[in-house]
C-alpha atoms as a PDB file:
ATOM      1  CA  MET A   1      -7.253 -14.166   0.744  1.00  0.00           C
ATOM      2  CA  ASN A   2      -4.564 -16.706   0.009  1.00  0.00           C
ATOM      3  CA  THR A   3      -3.074 -15.258  -3.160  1.00  0.00           C
ATOM      4  CA  PHE A   4      -1.659 -11.908  -4.194  1.00  0.00           C
ATOM      5  CA  PHE A   5      -3.437 -12.063  -7.546  1.00  0.00           C
ATOM      6  CA  GLU A   6      -6.990 -11.929  -8.915  1.00  0.00           C
ATOM      7  CA  ASP A   7      -5.715 -13.579 -12.065  1.00  0.00           C
ATOM      8  CA  GLU A   8      -2.277 -14.197 -13.507  1.00  0.00           C
ATOM      9  CA  ASP A   9      -1.351 -10.501 -13.863  1.00  0.00           C
ATOM     10  CA  THR A  10      -3.763  -8.520 -11.650  1.00  0.00           C
ATOM     11  CA  LEU A  11      -2.867  -7.761  -8.043  1.00  0.00           C
ATOM     12  CA  ASN A  12      -5.479  -8.188  -5.310  1.00  0.00           C
ATOM     13  CA  ILE A  13      -4.337  -4.983  -3.606  1.00  0.00           C
ATOM     14  CA  GLU A  14      -7.759  -3.312  -3.517  1.00  0.00           C
ATOM     15  CA  ASP A  15      -9.349  -6.366  -1.886  1.00  0.00           C
ATOM     16  CA  LEU A  16      -6.502  -6.616   0.596  1.00  0.00           C
ATOM     17  CA  ILE A  17      -6.910  -2.948   1.543  1.00  0.00           C
ATOM     18  CA  MET A  18     -10.693  -3.186   1.900  1.00  0.00           C
ATOM     19  CA  GLU A  19     -10.378  -6.228   4.192  1.00  0.00           C
ATOM     20  CA  GLN A  20      -7.959  -4.523   6.597  1.00  0.00           C
ATOM     21  CA  PRO A  21      -9.654  -3.494   9.859  1.00  0.00           C
ATOM     22  CA  SER A  22      -7.365  -0.462  10.043  1.00  0.00           C
ATOM     23  CA  PHE A  23      -8.613   0.790   6.657  1.00  0.00           C
ATOM     24  CA  GLN A  24     -12.228   0.121   7.570  1.00  0.00           C
ATOM     25  CA  LYS A  25     -11.850   2.056  10.837  1.00  0.00           C
ATOM     26  CA  ILE A  26     -10.104   5.004   9.190  1.00  0.00           C
ATOM     27  CA  MET A  27     -12.699   5.210   6.418  1.00  0.00           C
ATOM     28  CA  GLU A  28     -15.806   4.877   8.645  1.00  0.00           C
ATOM     29  CA  ASP A  29     -16.603   8.570   8.342  1.00  0.00           C
ATOM     30  CA  GLY A  30     -15.081   9.014   4.878  1.00  0.00           C
ATOM     31  CA  ILE A  31     -12.478  11.477   6.172  1.00  0.00           C
ATOM     32  CA  VAL A  32      -8.810  10.762   6.801  1.00  0.00           C
ATOM     33  CA  THR A  33      -7.392  12.882   9.600  1.00  0.00           C
ATOM     34  CA  LYS A  34      -3.774  13.723  10.297  1.00  0.00           C
ATOM     35  CA  GLU A  35      -4.011  11.656  13.480  1.00  0.00           C
ATOM     36  CA  GLU A  36      -5.337   8.615  11.592  1.00  0.00           C
ATOM     37  CA  LEU A  37      -2.536   8.958   9.066  1.00  0.00           C
ATOM     38  CA  GLU A  38       0.046   9.124  11.867  1.00  0.00           C
ATOM     39  CA  GLU A  39      -1.518   6.126  13.648  1.00  0.00           C
ATOM     40  CA  GLN A  40      -1.387   4.105  10.438  1.00  0.00           C
ATOM     41  CA  ALA A  41       2.255   5.049   9.934  1.00  0.00           C
ATOM     42  CA  GLN A  42       2.980   3.808  13.465  1.00  0.00           C
ATOM     43  CA  ARG A  43       1.155   0.503  12.728  1.00  0.00           C
ATOM     44  CA  VAL A  44       3.360   0.001   9.675  1.00  0.00           C
ATOM     45  CA  ILE A  45       6.514   0.803  11.629  1.00  0.00           C
ATOM     46  CA  ALA A  46       5.542  -1.577  14.447  1.00  0.00           C
ATOM     47  CA  SER A  47       4.754  -4.366  11.958  1.00  0.00           C
ATOM     48  CA  LEU A  48       8.063  -3.935  10.157  1.00  0.00           C
ATOM     49  CA  LYS A  49      10.022  -3.882  13.418  1.00  0.00           C
ATOM     50  CA  ALA A  50       8.296  -7.081  14.569  1.00  0.00           C
ATOM     51  CA  PHE A  51       9.033  -8.721  11.213  1.00  0.00           C
ATOM     52  CA  GLU A  52      12.655  -7.588  11.312  1.00  0.00           C
ATOM     53  CA  LYS A  53      13.233  -9.264  14.691  1.00  0.00           C
ATOM     54  CA  ASP A  54      12.399 -12.729  13.357  1.00  0.00           C
ATOM     55  CA  ALA A  55      13.395 -12.473   9.702  1.00  0.00           C
ATOM     56  CA  THR A  56      16.617 -13.495   8.078  1.00  0.00           C
ATOM     57  CA  PRO A  57      18.708 -10.877   6.269  1.00  0.00           C
ATOM     58  CA  ALA A  58      17.592 -12.368   2.939  1.00  0.00           C
ATOM     59  CA  GLN A  59      13.914 -12.105   3.929  1.00  0.00           C
ATOM     60  CA  ILE A  60      14.417  -8.512   5.040  1.00  0.00           C
ATOM     61  CA  ASP A  61      16.071  -7.669   1.715  1.00  0.00           C
ATOM     62  CA  LYS A  62      13.214  -9.253  -0.227  1.00  0.00           C
ATOM     63  CA  VAL A  63      10.525  -7.417   1.762  1.00  0.00           C
ATOM     64  CA  ARG A  64      12.434  -4.120   1.335  1.00  0.00           C
ATOM     65  CA  GLU A  65      12.509  -4.713  -2.424  1.00  0.00           C
ATOM     66  CA  ILE A  66       8.768  -5.509  -2.513  1.00  0.00           C
ATOM     67  CA  LEU A  67       7.909  -2.455  -0.390  1.00  0.00           C
ATOM     68  CA  ALA A  68      10.034  -0.245  -2.638  1.00  0.00           C
ATOM     69  CA  GLU A  69       8.342  -1.534  -5.796  1.00  0.00           C
ATOM     70  CA  ILE A  70       4.865  -1.130  -4.268  1.00  0.00           C
ATOM     71  CA  SER A  71       5.791   2.415  -3.289  1.00  0.00           C
ATOM     72  CA  VAL A  72       6.936   3.136  -6.843  1.00  0.00           C
ATOM     73  CA  LEU A  73       3.631   1.732  -8.136  1.00  0.00           C
ATOM     74  CA  VAL A  74       1.644   3.999  -5.792  1.00  0.00           C
ATOM     75  CA  ALA A  75       3.734   7.054  -6.727  1.00  0.00           C
ATOM     76  CA  VAL A  76       3.458   6.551 -10.490  1.00  0.00           C
ATOM     77  CA  ARG A  77      -0.241   5.677 -10.242  1.00  0.00           C
ATOM     78  CA  ASN A  78      -0.841   8.919  -8.324  1.00  0.00           C
ATOM     79  CA  GLN A  79       1.085  10.837 -10.994  1.00  0.00           C
ATOM     80  CA  TYR A  80      -0.875   9.104 -13.763  1.00  0.00           C
ATOM     81  CA  GLU A  81      -4.174  10.012 -12.078  1.00  0.00           C
ATOM     82  CA  LYS A  82      -3.036  13.657 -11.695  1.00  0.00           C
ATOM     83  CA  GLN A  83      -2.217  13.723 -15.398  1.00  0.00           C
ATOM     84  CA  ILE A  84      -5.668  12.402 -16.240  1.00  0.00           C
ATOM     85  CA  ALA A  85      -7.337  14.912 -13.919  1.00  0.00           C
ATOM     86  CA  ASN A  86      -5.362  17.787 -15.425  1.00  0.00           C
ATOM     87  CA  ASN A  87      -5.668  16.537 -19.017  1.00  0.00           C
ATOM     88  CA  ASN A  88      -2.017  17.492 -19.421  1.00  0.00           C
ATOM     89  CA  THR A  89      -1.079  14.596 -21.596  1.00  0.00           C
ATOM     90  CA  THR A  90      -2.486  12.045 -23.946  1.00  0.00           C
ATOM     91  CA  LEU A  91      -2.636   8.792 -22.048  1.00  0.00           C
ATOM     92  CA  LEU A  92      -2.704   5.297 -23.406  1.00  0.00           C
END
């Protein structure tokens, strides 16, 4: 994949996730264990530390901003899906 987008406004996140060997390995049996979650967290930490060694302060700031915004997207999407599941609100 050489772009972040399927089209002008749609992120390719799902495709990116599905292509990751780590995701494929974790999902082989359809169950996510605490150990797999911890191992994935360690992979993320190791990747960020490796990036931080070679990156400029400006690059680090930009990646931090992107990670923060992705995290916000995940959090609000999870909340939106909970609202749908609970039928607690009228959703657009």
